[in-house]
């Protein structure tokens, strides 16, 4: 019996070390979109951007992630290992919506078969929110999202 307890303790310690040392840590920001408040994790570094919301099995209705890029470019996203449907909203550097798409989960699919979601022109920021949020908020290209505090 003591060996089992030791194994459980070692596995638990390895798990805590993995979460602490290797998973990217995200800062958060609260932003208002058409009168609704959202708590967004900020993805700025390559590990944070690469991980994104992948692997999560749920997302609260007023939660999401904001991806911040250093320079405007055509942004491309995929849903590799993403378990929940998302709205991907592309913004310019001042927060004007360029375009958005609703993306479906794609796990266990070869990279070559993954659907790519792109900004229709150069973008500096992307938001990922629960699928259907853009429709609920009646978002349209050209709408402005206040990004103060980012």
Protein backbone atom coordinates (compact mmCIF):
# COMPACT_ATOMS: atom_id res chain seq x y z
CA UNK A 1 0.00 0.00 0.00
CA UNK A 2 2.79 2.55 0.75
CA UNK A 3 4.13 2.15 -2.82
CA UNK A 4 0.77 3.20 -4.27
CA UNK A 5 0.68 6.29 -2.08
CA UNK A 6 4.23 7.16 -3.10
CA UNK A 7 3.36 6.75 -6.79
CA UNK A 8 0.27 8.95 -6.41
CA UNK A 9 2.31 11.64 -4.64
CA UNK A 10 5.05 11.57 -7.30
CA UNK A 11 2.49 11.80 -10.14
CA UNK A 12 0.78 14.70 -8.37
CA UNK A 13 4.10 16.55 -7.94
CA UNK A 14 4.99 16.00 -11.61
CA UNK A 15 1.56 17.32 -12.63
CA UNK A 16 1.95 20.46 -10.48
CA UNK A 17 5.47 21.10 -11.84
CA UNK A 18 4.22 20.67 -15.41
CA UNK A 19 1.38 23.14 -14.90
CA UNK A 20 3.64 25.61 -13.11
CA UNK A 21 6.70 25.49 -15.34
CA UNK A 22 5.56 24.53 -18.82
CA UNK A 23 2.03 25.76 -19.45
CA UNK A 24 1.90 29.37 -20.63
CA UNK A 25 0.50 31.79 -18.08
CA UNK A 26 -2.03 34.34 -19.25
CA UNK A 27 -2.82 37.81 -17.94
CA UNK A 28 -6.45 38.88 -18.20
CA UNK A 29 -8.25 42.03 -19.28
CA UNK A 30 -11.89 43.06 -19.05
CA UNK A 31 -13.35 44.70 -22.13
CA UNK A 32 -16.81 45.88 -23.05
CA UNK A 33 -18.35 44.79 -26.35
CA UNK A 34 -21.68 46.44 -27.16
CA UNK A 35 -22.55 46.83 -23.48
CA UNK A 36 -21.52 43.32 -22.43
CA UNK A 37 -18.44 42.78 -20.28
CA UNK A 38 -15.96 40.04 -21.22
CA UNK A 39 -13.00 38.67 -19.28
CA UNK A 40 -10.30 37.85 -21.82
CA UNK A 41 -7.01 36.08 -21.31
CA UNK A 42 -4.23 37.84 -23.23
CA UNK A 43 -2.07 35.76 -25.60
CA UNK A 44 1.05 37.70 -26.63
CA UNK A 45 3.93 35.22 -26.62
CA UNK A 46 4.47 32.41 -29.14
CA UNK A 47 3.70 29.66 -26.58
CA UNK A 48 0.53 31.48 -25.49
CA UNK A 49 -0.62 32.08 -29.07
CA UNK A 50 0.18 28.50 -30.05
CA UNK A 51 -1.79 27.03 -27.15
CA UNK A 52 -4.68 29.49 -27.28
CA UNK A 53 -7.89 27.91 -26.05
CA UNK A 54 -6.84 24.45 -27.25
CA UNK A 55 -7.55 21.57 -24.92
CA UNK A 56 -10.26 23.35 -22.94
CA UNK A 57 -13.57 21.57 -22.62
CA UNK A 58 -15.61 24.64 -21.70
CA UNK A 59 -15.63 28.43 -21.75
CA UNK A 60 -17.91 30.68 -19.73
CA UNK A 61 -20.33 32.82 -21.82
CA UNK A 62 -18.46 36.04 -21.01
CA UNK A 63 -14.94 34.64 -21.29
CA UNK A 64 -12.49 34.37 -24.14
CA UNK A 65 -9.02 35.12 -25.36
CA UNK A 66 -7.44 38.08 -27.10
CA UNK A 67 -4.41 37.56 -29.36
CA UNK A 68 -2.16 40.58 -29.78
CA UNK A 69 0.34 40.71 -32.66
CA UNK A 70 3.24 43.14 -32.98
CA UNK A 71 2.44 44.23 -36.52
CA UNK A 72 -0.59 44.13 -38.82
CA UNK A 73 -0.73 41.05 -41.03
CA UNK A 74 -3.15 38.55 -42.49
CA UNK A 75 -3.94 36.43 -39.44
CA UNK A 76 -4.62 32.72 -39.82
CA UNK A 77 -6.12 30.50 -37.14
CA UNK A 78 -7.03 26.84 -37.00
CA UNK A 79 -8.90 24.77 -34.45
CA UNK A 80 -6.31 22.05 -33.88
CA UNK A 81 -7.04 20.32 -30.56
CA UNK A 82 -9.78 22.83 -29.82
CA UNK A 83 -12.75 21.15 -28.17
CA UNK A 84 -15.29 23.98 -28.15
CA UNK A 85 -16.81 26.05 -30.99
CA UNK A 86 -15.60 29.65 -31.11
CA UNK A 87 -16.20 32.94 -32.86
CA UNK A 88 -12.90 34.31 -34.16
CA UNK A 89 -13.12 38.08 -34.58
CA UNK A 90 -10.32 39.90 -36.41
CA UNK A 91 -9.60 43.53 -35.50
CA UNK A 92 -7.27 46.23 -36.76
CA UNK A 93 -4.85 47.99 -34.40
CA UNK A 94 -7.52 50.41 -33.13
CA UNK A 95 -10.18 47.76 -32.48
CA UNK A 96 -12.29 48.03 -35.64
CA UNK A 97 -13.79 44.69 -36.67
CA UNK A 98 -12.44 43.51 -40.02
CA UNK A 99 -14.31 40.20 -40.25
CA UNK A 100 -15.21 37.17 -38.15
CA UNK A 101 -16.03 33.49 -38.48
CA UNK A 102 -17.61 30.80 -36.36
CA UNK A 103 -15.16 27.93 -36.05
CA UNK A 104 -16.01 24.33 -35.19
CA UNK A 105 -13.86 22.06 -33.02
CA UNK A 106 -11.29 19.98 -34.87
CA UNK A 107 -9.39 17.43 -32.87
CA UNK A 108 -7.74 14.25 -34.10
CA UNK A 109 -7.62 15.63 -37.65
CA UNK A 110 -4.38 15.69 -39.67
CA UNK A 111 -2.93 19.21 -39.98
CA UNK A 112 -3.38 19.12 -43.76
CA UNK A 113 -7.16 18.69 -43.34
CA UNK A 114 -7.72 21.47 -40.78
CA UNK A 115 -9.84 24.43 -41.87
CA UNK A 116 -8.03 27.78 -41.79
CA UNK A 117 -9.82 30.93 -40.60
CA UNK A 118 -8.23 34.17 -41.88
CA UNK A 119 -8.62 37.88 -41.57
CA UNK A 120 -9.83 39.39 -44.85
CA UNK A 121 -7.18 42.14 -44.58
CA UNK A 122 -4.29 43.03 -42.28
CA UNK A 123 -5.20 42.64 -38.62
CA UNK A 124 -3.31 43.15 -35.36
CA UNK A 125 -5.73 41.52 -32.94
CA UNK A 126 -7.98 38.49 -32.83
CA UNK A 127 -10.65 37.69 -30.28
CA UNK A 128 -11.91 34.20 -29.54
CA UNK A 129 -15.30 34.14 -27.86
CA UNK A 130 -17.91 31.40 -27.41
CA UNK A 131 -19.54 30.50 -30.73
CA UNK A 132 -22.61 32.60 -31.47
CA UNK A 133 -21.45 35.62 -29.46
CA UNK A 134 -20.94 37.76 -32.60
CA UNK A 135 -24.49 37.01 -33.72
CA UNK A 136 -25.99 37.61 -30.26
CA UNK A 137 -24.23 41.00 -30.09
CA UNK A 138 -25.15 41.81 -33.71
CA UNK A 139 -21.50 42.50 -34.58
CA UNK A 140 -20.71 43.63 -38.11
CA UNK A 141 -17.47 44.55 -39.86
CA UNK A 142 -16.68 48.18 -39.06
CA UNK A 143 -17.96 48.01 -35.48
CA UNK A 144 -15.52 49.45 -32.98
CA UNK A 145 -14.40 47.55 -29.87
CA UNK A 146 -12.81 49.64 -27.13
CA UNK A 147 -9.44 48.09 -26.29
CA UNK A 148 -8.34 50.57 -23.60
CA UNK A 149 -6.13 48.92 -21.03
CA UNK A 150 -4.62 46.46 -23.48
